Amino acid sequence: MKKVVVIGGGTGTNTVLTGLKKYPLDLSVIVSMADSGGSNRIIRDEFGLLPTSDLRQCLVALASESSSKILRQLFTYRYTQGTGISGMTFGNLFMIALTDILGTQKQALLETCRILDVRGQIIPVTYEKSNLVAHYADGHEILGEHEIDEPDNRVISRIDKLYIFPKVAANPDALKAIREANLIVIAPGDLYTSIISNLVVTGIPEAINKSKAQVVYVANLMTRAGQTYSFTAMDHVREINKYLNTNRVNAVVVNNDFLLPKSAIDWYKKVKAQTVKDDLAGQFTGKVLRAALVSKAIYSKSVSDKLIRSLIRHDPAKLARVLMKLV
């Protein structure tokens, strides 16, 4: 059975996993532990734990169809009322309680995987606490994943360096999964706070470079103001390779259909986002797989969810079919 490792965090990683779990694969996901916004700020500051939202999304994505449907729905349920609880998800609160009962987040994650009958491995990139720091071309710095992700509408230049403070070591399980992989999928998502946040963890770039696996990047559908304003597909690839310290990306999956409803177009203009231009021809020397990958569903978030969420997503089934060509 082929071993596929997905690297990322957030909804893009959830989409990749949802599609790939339908196939006979030995599937693992390495998850960013940098999130510091929304309920994760409370989890970090008040409970002293690592963020759980990205882990929770992976748990739901990889939960077997035979697991309780109502339990899967509970893990995504977001409270809309209650002082101090509004905006929190049941899944996050469940894992906080389980950590208190079992003593460690690692044990809590393993037990949650058992309860949801998870098909695959969910691996935090590190179990050590740290924060992201973005250094911009104009010289200023921003501390914290959420502050980098949503920089208060300030006019800022491009990020020229992302690093993690303090430096932390990679989870040995993550290094093992990368070492044994046949295919490494760098999932779509916020370039710096969901993807590169994994690559700045000590040991991860070295493990990817030593791996014999093919490395594929699933290009984002849209840019993100504050992180990738006006970035093209090749700009994304260059940044990933920069943090891998070599031109390690072998293949790129790119959407070639942007027939979006007017409501989505108007919303993206409002948040200063554009479609990611495919400029790989003549610049990228690896494989380029182009397909219509946009889901017909338009995302609608809970009223208690205060974070910015992308309206359009990749279609899990369509994306998985393209990735399986590489497998």
C-alpha atoms as a PDB file:
ATOM      1  CA  MET A   1       0.000   0.000   0.000  1.00  0.00           C
ATOM      2  CA  LYS A   2       1.381   3.394  -1.004  1.00  0.00           C
ATOM      3  CA  LYS A   3       2.241   5.788   1.829  1.00  0.00           C
ATOM      4  CA  VAL A   4       0.946   9.332   1.340  1.00  0.00           C
ATOM      5  CA  VAL A   5       1.802  12.152   3.741  1.00  0.00           C
ATOM      6  CA  VAL A   6      -0.200  15.381   3.684  1.00  0.00           C
ATOM      7  CA  ILE A   7       1.384  18.509   5.212  1.00  0.00           C
ATOM      8  CA  GLY A   8      -0.631  21.580   6.171  1.00  0.00           C
ATOM      9  CA  GLY A   9      -3.391  22.814   8.439  1.00  0.00           C
ATOM     10  CA  GLY A  10      -6.874  24.250   8.171  1.00  0.00           C
ATOM     11  CA  THR A  11      -9.658  23.652   5.679  1.00  0.00           C
ATOM     12  CA  GLY A  12      -7.391  22.947   2.695  1.00  0.00           C
ATOM     13  CA  THR A  13      -5.861  19.983   4.481  1.00  0.00           C
ATOM     14  CA  ASN A  14      -9.320  18.782   5.507  1.00  0.00           C
ATOM     15  CA  THR A  15     -10.330  18.842   1.817  1.00  0.00           C
ATOM     16  CA  VAL A  16      -7.307  16.804   0.686  1.00  0.00           C
ATOM     17  CA  LEU A  17      -7.862  14.195   3.395  1.00  0.00           C
ATOM     18  CA  THR A  18     -11.602  13.924   2.746  1.00  0.00           C
ATOM     19  CA  GLY A  19     -10.902  13.007  -0.862  1.00  0.00           C
ATOM     20  CA  LEU A  20      -7.893  10.735  -0.388  1.00  0.00           C
ATOM     21  CA  LYS A  21      -9.421   8.619   2.399  1.00  0.00           C
ATOM     22  CA  LYS A  22     -11.699   7.010  -0.211  1.00  0.00           C
ATOM     23  CA  TYR A  23      -8.673   5.275  -1.750  1.00  0.00           C
ATOM     24  CA  PRO A  24      -6.577   2.313  -0.486  1.00  0.00           C
ATOM     25  CA  LEU A  25      -3.695   4.369   0.892  1.00  0.00           C
ATOM     26  CA  ASP A  26      -1.574   4.394   4.036  1.00  0.00           C
ATOM     27  CA  LEU A  27      -2.486   7.998   4.836  1.00  0.00           C
ATOM     28  CA  SER A  28      -0.803  10.337   7.334  1.00  0.00           C
ATOM     29  CA  VAL A  29      -1.182  14.056   7.944  1.00  0.00           C
ATOM     30  CA  ILE A  30       1.361  16.367   9.566  1.00  0.00           C
ATOM     31  CA  VAL A  31      -0.499  19.258  11.153  1.00  0.00           C
ATOM     32  CA  SER A  32       0.673  22.789  11.952  1.00  0.00           C
ATOM     33  CA  MET A  33       0.686  23.696  15.652  1.00  0.00           C
ATOM     34  CA  ALA A  34       0.948  27.465  15.158  1.00  0.00           C
ATOM     35  CA  ASP A  35      -2.714  28.556  15.231  1.00  0.00           C
ATOM     36  CA  SER A  36      -3.345  31.354  17.736  1.00  0.00           C
ATOM     37  CA  GLY A  37      -6.674  32.859  16.657  1.00  0.00           C
ATOM     38  CA  GLY A  38     -10.260  32.426  17.772  1.00  0.00           C
ATOM     39  CA  SER A  39     -10.813  29.595  20.249  1.00  0.00           C
ATOM     40  CA  ASN A  40      -7.192  28.505  19.882  1.00  0.00           C
ATOM     41  CA  ARG A  41      -6.103  31.681  21.670  1.00  0.00           C
ATOM     42  CA  ILE A  42      -8.165  30.559  24.667  1.00  0.00           C
ATOM     43  CA  ILE A  43      -6.784  27.016  24.423  1.00  0.00           C
ATOM     44  CA  ARG A  44      -3.224  28.362  24.424  1.00  0.00           C
ATOM     45  CA  ASP A  45      -3.578  31.215  26.928  1.00  0.00           C
ATOM     46  CA  GLU A  46      -6.091  29.854  29.447  1.00  0.00           C
ATOM     47  CA  PHE A  47      -5.409  26.112  29.291  1.00  0.00           C
ATOM     48  CA  GLY A  48      -1.708  26.210  28.391  1.00  0.00           C
ATOM     49  CA  LEU A  49      -2.215  23.671  25.600  1.00  0.00           C
ATOM     50  CA  LEU A  50      -1.279  23.437  21.947  1.00  0.00           C
ATOM     51  CA  PRO A  51      -3.994  24.540  19.464  1.00  0.00           C
ATOM     52  CA  THR A  52      -6.484  21.848  18.512  1.00  0.00           C
ATOM     53  CA  SER A  53      -8.625  23.301  15.690  1.00  0.00           C
ATOM     54  CA  ASP A  54      -6.486  21.993  12.827  1.00  0.00           C
ATOM     55  CA  LEU A  55      -6.235  18.596  14.537  1.00  0.00           C
ATOM     56  CA  ARG A  56     -10.012  18.554  14.928  1.00  0.00           C
ATOM     57  CA  GLN A  57     -10.546  19.203  11.214  1.00  0.00           C
ATOM     58  CA  CYS A  58      -8.225  16.311  10.360  1.00  0.00           C
ATOM     59  CA  LEU A  59     -10.033  14.041  12.826  1.00  0.00           C
ATOM     60  CA  VAL A  60     -13.379  14.731  11.190  1.00  0.00           C
ATOM     61  CA  ALA A  61     -11.931  14.351   7.687  1.00  0.00           C
ATOM     62  CA  LEU A  62     -10.386  10.956   8.440  1.00  0.00           C
ATOM     63  CA  ALA A  63     -13.182   9.572  10.632  1.00  0.00           C
ATOM     64  CA  SER A  64     -14.508   6.393   9.062  1.00  0.00           C
ATOM     65  CA  GLU A  65     -17.994   6.325   7.606  1.00  0.00           C
ATOM     66  CA  SER A  66     -18.811   3.606  10.120  1.00  0.00           C
ATOM     67  CA  SER A  67     -18.203   5.977  13.041  1.00  0.00           C
ATOM     68  CA  SER A  68     -21.185   7.742  14.594  1.00  0.00           C
ATOM     69  CA  LYS A  69     -22.533  10.430  12.260  1.00  0.00           C
ATOM     70  CA  ILE A  70     -23.871  12.449  15.179  1.00  0.00           C
ATOM     71  CA  LEU A  71     -20.434  12.327  16.851  1.00  0.00           C
ATOM     72  CA  ARG A  72     -18.789  13.665  13.685  1.00  0.00           C
ATOM     73  CA  GLN A  73     -21.365  16.443  13.608  1.00  0.00           C
ATOM     74  CA  LEU A  74     -20.717  17.227  17.269  1.00  0.00           C
ATOM     75  CA  PHE A  75     -16.993  17.658  16.600  1.00  0.00           C
ATOM     76  CA  THR A  76     -17.754  20.428  14.090  1.00  0.00           C
ATOM     77  CA  TYR A  77     -20.550  22.020  16.158  1.00  0.00           C
ATOM     78  CA  ARG A  78     -19.753  25.624  17.104  1.00  0.00           C
ATOM     79  CA  TYR A  79     -21.530  27.215  20.078  1.00  0.00           C
ATOM     80  CA  THR A  80     -23.363  30.448  19.233  1.00  0.00           C
ATOM     81  CA  GLN A  81     -24.343  31.424  22.780  1.00  0.00           C
ATOM     82  CA  GLY A  82     -22.866  31.496  26.248  1.00  0.00           C
ATOM     83  CA  THR A  83     -20.358  33.821  27.890  1.00  0.00           C
ATOM     84  CA  GLY A  84     -16.885  32.505  27.217  1.00  0.00           C
ATOM     85  CA  ILE A  85     -18.127  29.561  25.161  1.00  0.00           C
ATOM     86  CA  SER A  86     -19.601  31.299  22.104  1.00  0.00           C
ATOM     87  CA  GLY A  87     -17.381  30.601  19.103  1.00  0.00           C
ATOM     88  CA  MET A  88     -15.858  27.473  20.617  1.00  0.00           C
ATOM     89  CA  THR A  89     -16.387  24.081  19.002  1.00  0.00           C
ATOM     90  CA  PHE A  90     -17.500  20.953  20.808  1.00  0.00           C
ATOM     91  CA  GLY A  91     -14.513  19.077  19.348  1.00  0.00           C
ATOM     92  CA  ASN A  92     -12.007  21.497  20.851  1.00  0.00           C
ATOM     93  CA  LEU A  93     -13.670  21.365  24.254  1.00  0.00           C
ATOM     94  CA  PHE A  94     -13.803  17.565  24.069  1.00  0.00           C
ATOM     95  CA  MET A  95     -10.042  17.337  23.483  1.00  0.00           C
ATOM     96  CA  ILE A  96      -9.317  19.831  26.272  1.00  0.00           C
ATOM     97  CA  ALA A  97     -11.305  17.676  28.705  1.00  0.00           C
ATOM     98  CA  LEU A  98      -9.717  14.466  27.460  1.00  0.00           C
ATOM     99  CA  THR A  99      -6.232  15.959  27.902  1.00  0.00           C
ATOM    100  CA  ASP A 100      -7.104  16.760  31.515  1.00  0.00           C
ATOM    101  CA  ILE A 101      -8.322  13.185  32.062  1.00  0.00           C
ATOM    102  CA  LEU A 102      -5.447  11.373  30.298  1.00  0.00           C
ATOM    103  CA  GLY A 103      -2.629  13.760  31.213  1.00  0.00           C
ATOM    104  CA  THR A 104      -1.174  14.619  27.793  1.00  0.00           C
ATOM    105  CA  GLN A 105      -2.424  15.968  24.471  1.00  0.00           C
ATOM    106  CA  LYS A 106      -0.722  13.089  22.703  1.00  0.00           C
ATOM    107  CA  GLN A 107      -2.790  10.539  24.609  1.00  0.00           C
ATOM    108  CA  ALA A 108      -5.920  12.632  24.123  1.00  0.00           C
ATOM    109  CA  LEU A 109      -5.337  12.698  20.348  1.00  0.00           C
ATOM    110  CA  LEU A 110      -4.782   8.940  20.191  1.00  0.00           C
ATOM    111  CA  GLU A 111      -7.960   8.262  22.183  1.00  0.00           C
ATOM    112  CA  THR A 112      -9.998  10.662  20.018  1.00  0.00           C
ATOM    113  CA  CYS A 113      -8.705   8.849  16.918  1.00  0.00           C
ATOM    114  CA  ARG A 114      -9.939   5.593  18.442  1.00  0.00           C
ATOM    115  CA  ILE A 115     -13.349   7.023  19.321  1.00  0.00           C
ATOM    116  CA  LEU A 116     -13.865   8.393  15.788  1.00  0.00           C
ATOM    117  CA  ASP A 117     -12.345   5.301  14.151  1.00  0.00           C
ATOM    118  CA  VAL A 118      -9.862   7.479  12.257  1.00  0.00           C
ATOM    119  CA  ARG A 119      -8.407   5.873   9.115  1.00  0.00           C
ATOM    120  CA  GLY A 120      -4.843   7.143   9.043  1.00  0.00           C
ATOM    121  CA  GLN A 121      -2.332   8.881  11.278  1.00  0.00           C
ATOM    122  CA  ILE A 122      -2.784  12.430  12.565  1.00  0.00           C
ATOM    123  CA  ILE A 123       0.610  13.806  13.574  1.00  0.00           C
ATOM    124  CA  PRO A 124       1.204  17.226  15.180  1.00  0.00           C
ATOM    125  CA  VAL A 125       4.338  18.684  13.594  1.00  0.00           C
ATOM    126  CA  THR A 126       5.665  19.328  17.123  1.00  0.00           C
ATOM    127  CA  TYR A 127       4.537  18.976  20.719  1.00  0.00           C
ATOM    128  CA  GLU A 128       6.569  22.013  21.813  1.00  0.00           C
ATOM    129  CA  LYS A 129       5.018  25.455  22.323  1.00  0.00           C
ATOM    130  CA  SER A 130       6.092  28.360  20.134  1.00  0.00           C
ATOM    131  CA  ASN A 131       4.814  31.286  18.080  1.00  0.00           C
ATOM    132  CA  LEU A 132       5.244  32.343  14.471  1.00  0.00           C
ATOM    133  CA  VAL A 133       7.078  35.575  13.689  1.00  0.00           C
ATOM    134  CA  ALA A 134       6.816  37.290  10.303  1.00  0.00           C
ATOM    135  CA  HIS A 135       9.524  39.719   9.210  1.00  0.00           C
ATOM    136  CA  TYR A 136       8.438  42.031   6.397  1.00  0.00           C
ATOM    137  CA  ALA A 137      10.447  43.637   3.629  1.00  0.00           C
ATOM    138  CA  ASP A 138       9.906  47.102   5.156  1.00  0.00           C
ATOM    139  CA  GLY A 139      11.642  45.972   8.355  1.00  0.00           C
ATOM    140  CA  HIS A 140       8.772  45.496  10.820  1.00  0.00           C
ATOM    141  CA  GLU A 141       7.750  42.234  12.471  1.00  0.00           C
ATOM    142  CA  ILE A 142       4.474  40.673  13.631  1.00  0.00           C
ATOM    143  CA  LEU A 143       4.276  38.014  16.338  1.00  0.00           C
ATOM    144  CA  GLY A 144       1.571  35.347  16.322  1.00  0.00           C
ATOM    145  CA  GLU A 145      -0.228  33.301  13.674  1.00  0.00           C
ATOM    146  CA  HIS A 146      -3.545  35.147  14.017  1.00  0.00           C
ATOM    147  CA  GLU A 147      -1.924  38.580  13.825  1.00  0.00           C
ATOM    148  CA  ILE A 148      -0.041  37.505  10.662  1.00  0.00           C
ATOM    149  CA  ASP A 149      -3.210  36.004   9.194  1.00  0.00           C
ATOM    150  CA  GLU A 150      -5.402  39.048   9.853  1.00  0.00           C
ATOM    151  CA  PRO A 151      -3.111  42.106  10.202  1.00  0.00           C
ATOM    152  CA  ASP A 152      -5.801  44.704  11.045  1.00  0.00           C
ATOM    153  CA  ASN A 153      -6.006  46.028   7.454  1.00  0.00           C
ATOM    154  CA  ARG A 154      -2.591  47.628   7.781  1.00  0.00           C
ATOM    155  CA  VAL A 155      -0.795  48.353   4.523  1.00  0.00           C
ATOM    156  CA  ILE A 156       2.224  46.077   4.776  1.00  0.00           C
ATOM    157  CA  SER A 157       4.876  44.811   2.425  1.00  0.00           C
ATOM    158  CA  ARG A 158       5.593  41.196   1.574  1.00  0.00           C
ATOM    159  CA  ILE A 159       6.810  38.751   4.175  1.00  0.00           C
ATOM    160  CA  ASP A 160      10.494  38.144   3.484  1.00  0.00           C
ATOM    161  CA  LYS A 161      11.117  35.760   6.391  1.00  0.00           C
ATOM    162  CA  LEU A 162       8.927  33.576   8.568  1.00  0.00           C
ATOM    163  CA  TYR A 163      10.424  31.944  11.624  1.00  0.00           C
ATOM    164  CA  ILE A 164       9.311  30.289  14.825  1.00  0.00           C
ATOM    165  CA  PHE A 165      10.150  31.506  18.347  1.00  0.00           C
ATOM    166  CA  PRO A 166      11.465  29.796  20.252  1.00  0.00           C
ATOM    167  CA  LYS A 167      12.883  27.195  17.917  1.00  0.00           C
ATOM    168  CA  VAL A 168      11.222  23.808  18.355  1.00  0.00           C
ATOM    169  CA  ALA A 169      12.089  20.288  17.266  1.00  0.00           C
ATOM    170  CA  ALA A 170       9.890  18.220  14.985  1.00  0.00           C
ATOM    171  CA  ASN A 171       7.775  15.406  16.354  1.00  0.00           C
ATOM    172  CA  PRO A 172       9.772  12.182  15.679  1.00  0.00           C
ATOM    173  CA  ASP A 173       6.585  10.592  14.323  1.00  0.00           C
ATOM    174  CA  ALA A 174       6.429  13.337  11.673  1.00  0.00           C
ATOM    175  CA  LEU A 175      10.014  12.699  10.605  1.00  0.00           C
ATOM    176  CA  LYS A 176       9.343   8.952  10.385  1.00  0.00           C
ATOM    177  CA  ALA A 177       6.242   9.471   8.238  1.00  0.00           C
ATOM    178  CA  ILE A 178       8.138  11.749   5.842  1.00  0.00           C
ATOM    179  CA  ARG A 179      11.048   9.329   5.654  1.00  0.00           C
ATOM    180  CA  GLU A 180       8.774   6.440   4.652  1.00  0.00           C
ATOM    181  CA  ALA A 181       6.470   8.350   2.283  1.00  0.00           C
ATOM    182  CA  ASN A 182       5.939   7.553  -1.399  1.00  0.00           C
ATOM    183  CA  LEU A 183       4.151  10.858  -2.006  1.00  0.00           C
ATOM    184  CA  ILE A 184       4.216  14.087   0.030  1.00  0.00           C
ATOM    185  CA  VAL A 185       1.262  16.407  -0.583  1.00  0.00           C
ATOM    186  CA  ILE A 186       1.669  20.035   0.473  1.00  0.00           C
ATOM    187  CA  ALA A 187      -1.970  20.973   0.963  1.00  0.00           C
ATOM    188  CA  PRO A 188      -3.614  24.226  -0.107  1.00  0.00           C
ATOM    189  CA  GLY A 189      -4.061  26.793   2.639  1.00  0.00           C
ATOM    190  CA  ASP A 190      -2.695  30.081   3.915  1.00  0.00           C
ATOM    191  CA  LEU A 191       0.840  30.001   2.566  1.00  0.00           C
ATOM    192  CA  TYR A 192       2.724  31.176   5.643  1.00  0.00           C
ATOM    193  CA  THR A 193       0.440  30.341   8.557  1.00  0.00           C
ATOM    194  CA  SER A 194      -0.811  26.905   7.456  1.00  0.00           C
ATOM    195  CA  ILE A 195       1.911  25.565   5.143  1.00  0.00           C
ATOM    196  CA  ILE A 196       5.289  27.194   5.786  1.00  0.00           C
ATOM    197  CA  SER A 197       4.514  27.143   9.527  1.00  0.00           C
ATOM    198  CA  ASN A 198       5.353  23.417   9.273  1.00  0.00           C
ATOM    199  CA  LEU A 199       8.524  23.982   7.250  1.00  0.00           C
ATOM    200  CA  VAL A 200      10.115  26.286   9.855  1.00  0.00           C
ATOM    201  CA  VAL A 201      10.047  23.532  12.486  1.00  0.00           C
ATOM    202  CA  THR A 202      13.565  22.163  12.975  1.00  0.00           C
ATOM    203  CA  GLY A 203      14.067  18.898  11.102  1.00  0.00           C
ATOM    204  CA  ILE A 204      11.113  19.047   8.720  1.00  0.00           C
ATOM    205  CA  PRO A 205      12.880  20.555   5.650  1.00  0.00           C
ATOM    206  CA  GLU A 206      15.815  18.189   6.071  1.00  0.00           C
ATOM    207  CA  ALA A 207      13.512  15.168   6.291  1.00  0.00           C
ATOM    208  CA  ILE A 208      11.604  16.194   3.145  1.00  0.00           C
ATOM    209  CA  ASN A 209      14.826  16.742   1.220  1.00  0.00           C
ATOM    210  CA  LYS A 210      16.193  13.338   2.234  1.00  0.00           C
ATOM    211  CA  SER A 211      12.941  11.560   1.433  1.00  0.00           C
ATOM    212  CA  LYS A 212      12.667   9.669  -1.859  1.00  0.00           C
ATOM    213  CA  ALA A 213       9.026  10.707  -2.132  1.00  0.00           C
ATOM    214  CA  GLN A 214       7.621  12.844  -4.900  1.00  0.00           C
ATOM    215  CA  VAL A 215       6.555  16.246  -3.511  1.00  0.00           C
ATOM    216  CA  VAL A 216       3.397  17.838  -4.920  1.00  0.00           C
ATOM    217  CA  TYR A 217       1.949  21.232  -4.038  1.00  0.00           C
ATOM    218  CA  VAL A 218      -1.785  21.814  -4.452  1.00  0.00           C
ATOM    219  CA  ALA A 219      -1.944  25.454  -5.524  1.00  0.00           C
ATOM    220  CA  ASN A 220      -4.317  27.771  -3.716  1.00  0.00           C
ATOM    221  CA  LEU A 221      -7.427  28.970  -5.490  1.00  0.00           C
ATOM    222  CA  MET A 222      -7.260  32.532  -4.150  1.00  0.00           C
ATOM    223  CA  THR A 223      -4.666  34.917  -2.755  1.00  0.00           C
ATOM    224  CA  ARG A 224      -4.845  36.199   0.826  1.00  0.00           C
ATOM    225  CA  ALA A 225      -4.460  39.873   1.720  1.00  0.00           C
ATOM    226  CA  GLY A 226      -1.656  40.321   4.245  1.00  0.00           C
ATOM    227  CA  GLN A 227       0.090  37.127   3.155  1.00  0.00           C
ATOM    228  CA  THR A 228       0.005  36.561  -0.589  1.00  0.00           C
ATOM    229  CA  TYR A 229      -1.503  39.653  -2.200  1.00  0.00           C
ATOM    230  CA  SER A 230      -0.971  39.408  -5.997  1.00  0.00           C
ATOM    231  CA  PHE A 231       0.954  36.106  -5.642  1.00  0.00           C
ATOM    232  CA  THR A 232       0.942  33.833  -8.691  1.00  0.00           C
ATOM    233  CA  ALA A 233       1.171  30.037  -8.615  1.00  0.00           C
ATOM    234  CA  MET A 234       4.924  30.264  -9.240  1.00  0.00           C
ATOM    235  CA  ASP A 235       5.308  32.762  -6.376  1.00  0.00           C
ATOM    236  CA  HIS A 236       3.782  30.166  -4.039  1.00  0.00           C
ATOM    237  CA  VAL A 237       6.104  27.426  -5.336  1.00  0.00           C
ATOM    238  CA  ARG A 238       9.180  29.653  -4.957  1.00  0.00           C
ATOM    239  CA  GLU A 239       8.323  30.441  -1.339  1.00  0.00           C
ATOM    240  CA  ILE A 240       7.823  26.767  -0.455  1.00  0.00           C
ATOM    241  CA  ASN A 241      11.113  25.838  -2.108  1.00  0.00           C
ATOM    242  CA  LYS A 242      12.813  28.720  -0.299  1.00  0.00           C
ATOM    243  CA  TYR A 243      11.934  27.215   3.100  1.00  0.00           C
ATOM    244  CA  LEU A 244      12.882  23.741   1.906  1.00  0.00           C
ATOM    245  CA  ASN A 245      16.276  25.218   0.882  1.00  0.00           C
ATOM    246  CA  THR A 246      16.101  23.524  -2.525  1.00  0.00           C
ATOM    247  CA  ASN A 247      13.809  23.158  -5.546  1.00  0.00           C
ATOM    248  CA  ARG A 248      12.160  20.144  -3.974  1.00  0.00           C
ATOM    249  CA  VAL A 249       8.596  20.534  -5.303  1.00  0.00           C
ATOM    250  CA  ASN A 250       8.298  18.018  -8.170  1.00  0.00           C
ATOM    251  CA  ALA A 251       4.692  18.618  -9.184  1.00  0.00           C
ATOM    252  CA  VAL A 252       1.946  21.211  -8.878  1.00  0.00           C
ATOM    253  CA  VAL A 253      -1.821  20.700  -9.080  1.00  0.00           C
ATOM    254  CA  VAL A 254      -3.583  23.793 -10.461  1.00  0.00           C
ATOM    255  CA  ASN A 255      -7.235  24.687 -10.876  1.00  0.00           C
ATOM    256  CA  ASN A 256      -8.139  25.889 -14.372  1.00  0.00           C
ATOM    257  CA  ASP A 257     -11.806  26.797 -13.896  1.00  0.00           C
ATOM    258  CA  PHE A 258     -12.844  30.022 -12.134  1.00  0.00           C
ATOM    259  CA  LEU A 259     -16.511  30.369 -13.034  1.00  0.00           C
ATOM    260  CA  LEU A 260     -17.476  31.873  -9.661  1.00  0.00           C
ATOM    261  CA  PRO A 261     -20.886  33.253  -8.675  1.00  0.00           C
ATOM    262  CA  LYS A 262     -21.114  37.036  -8.486  1.00  0.00           C
ATOM    263  CA  SER A 263     -21.624  36.937  -4.715  1.00  0.00           C
ATOM    264  CA  ALA A 264     -18.256  35.214  -4.276  1.00  0.00           C
ATOM    265  CA  ILE A 265     -16.508  37.594  -6.698  1.00  0.00           C
ATOM    266  CA  ASP A 266     -17.884  40.628  -4.834  1.00  0.00           C
ATOM    267  CA  TRP A 267     -16.845  39.195  -1.450  1.00  0.00           C
ATOM    268  CA  TYR A 268     -13.278  38.475  -2.611  1.00  0.00           C
ATOM    269  CA  LYS A 269     -12.952  42.014  -3.976  1.00  0.00           C
ATOM    270  CA  LYS A 270     -14.042  43.306  -0.580  1.00  0.00           C
ATOM    271  CA  VAL A 271     -11.297  41.338   1.203  1.00  0.00           C
ATOM    272  CA  LYS A 272      -8.699  42.231  -1.476  1.00  0.00           C
ATOM    273  CA  ALA A 273      -8.231  38.696  -2.801  1.00  0.00           C
ATOM    274  CA  GLN A 274      -7.762  37.538  -6.395  1.00  0.00           C
ATOM    275  CA  THR A 275      -7.657  34.217  -8.189  1.00  0.00           C
ATOM    276  CA  VAL A 276      -4.169  32.699  -8.235  1.00  0.00           C
ATOM    277  CA  LYS A 277      -2.774  33.153 -11.739  1.00  0.00           C
ATOM    278  CA  ASP A 278      -1.290  30.045 -13.355  1.00  0.00           C
ATOM    279  CA  ASP A 279       2.100  31.250 -14.628  1.00  0.00           C
ATOM    280  CA  LEU A 280       3.916  27.905 -14.304  1.00  0.00           C
ATOM    281  CA  ALA A 281       4.441  27.362 -18.045  1.00  0.00           C
ATOM    282  CA  GLY A 282       8.043  28.106 -18.956  1.00  0.00           C
ATOM    283  CA  GLN A 283       9.042  28.623 -15.299  1.00  0.00           C
ATOM    284  CA  PHE A 284       8.291  25.379 -13.450  1.00  0.00           C
ATOM    285  CA  THR A 285      10.233  22.367 -14.726  1.00  0.00           C
ATOM    286  CA  GLY A 286       8.271  19.644 -12.916  1.00  0.00           C
ATOM    287  CA  LYS A 287       4.860  18.111 -13.606  1.00  0.00           C
ATOM    288  CA  VAL A 288       1.840  20.407 -13.791  1.00  0.00           C
ATOM    289  CA  LEU A 289      -1.595  18.807 -13.449  1.00  0.00           C
ATOM    290  CA  ARG A 290      -4.437  21.137 -14.434  1.00  0.00           C
ATOM    291  CA  ALA A 291      -8.112  20.396 -13.834  1.00  0.00           C
ATOM    292  CA  ALA A 292     -11.415  21.996 -12.855  1.00  0.00           C
ATOM    293  CA  LEU A 293     -11.176  21.662  -9.079  1.00  0.00           C
ATOM    294  CA  VAL A 294     -13.546  24.221  -7.537  1.00  0.00           C
ATOM    295  CA  SER A 295     -16.375  22.871  -5.422  1.00  0.00           C
ATOM    296  CA  LYS A 296     -19.859  24.028  -6.393  1.00  0.00           C
ATOM    297  CA  ALA A 297     -20.658  24.582  -2.721  1.00  0.00           C
ATOM    298  CA  ILE A 298     -20.198  28.104  -1.329  1.00  0.00           C
ATOM    299  CA  TYR A 299     -19.004  28.022   2.267  1.00  0.00           C
ATOM    300  CA  SER A 300     -21.203  29.622   4.913  1.00  0.00           C
ATOM    301  CA  LYS A 301     -19.710  30.027   8.355  1.00  0.00           C
ATOM    302  CA  SER A 302     -21.358  30.129  11.769  1.00  0.00           C
ATOM    303  CA  VAL A 303     -22.420  33.563  13.045  1.00  0.00           C
ATOM    304  CA  SER A 304     -20.196  33.006  16.100  1.00  0.00           C
ATOM    305  CA  ASP A 305     -17.111  32.328  13.969  1.00  0.00           C
ATOM    306  CA  LYS A 306     -15.130  35.580  13.981  1.00  0.00           C
ATOM    307  CA  LEU A 307     -12.295  34.466  11.682  1.00  0.00           C
ATOM    308  CA  ILE A 308     -12.082  35.162   7.955  1.00  0.00           C
ATOM    309  CA  ARG A 309     -12.905  31.988   5.994  1.00  0.00           C
ATOM    310  CA  SER A 310     -12.583  31.454   2.266  1.00  0.00           C
ATOM    311  CA  LEU A 311     -15.915  31.134   0.437  1.00  0.00           C
ATOM    312  CA  ILE A 312     -14.755  28.688  -2.217  1.00  0.00           C
ATOM    313  CA  ARG A 313     -12.864  25.437  -1.697  1.00  0.00           C
ATOM    314  CA  HIS A 314     -11.392  22.625  -3.734  1.00  0.00           C
ATOM    315  CA  ASP A 315     -13.760  19.760  -4.456  1.00  0.00           C
ATOM    316  CA  PRO A 316     -12.426  16.786  -2.416  1.00  0.00           C
ATOM    317  CA  ALA A 317     -13.345  14.111  -4.967  1.00  0.00           C
ATOM    318  CA  LYS A 318     -12.013  16.011  -7.992  1.00  0.00           C
ATOM    319  CA  LEU A 319      -8.765  16.879  -6.207  1.00  0.00           C
ATOM    320  CA  ALA A 320      -8.226  13.298  -5.021  1.00  0.00           C
ATOM    321  CA  ARG A 321      -8.650  11.940  -8.557  1.00  0.00           C
ATOM    322  CA  VAL A 322      -5.856  14.236  -9.782  1.00  0.00           C
ATOM    323  CA  LEU A 323      -3.551  13.388  -6.863  1.00  0.00           C
ATOM    324  CA  MET A 324      -4.048   9.669  -7.444  1.00  0.00           C
ATOM    325  CA  LYS A 325      -2.456  10.093 -10.876  1.00  0.00           C
ATOM    326  CA  LEU A 326       0.777  10.833  -9.021  1.00  0.00           C
ATOM    327  CA  VAL A 327       0.321   7.901  -6.640  1.00  0.00           C
END
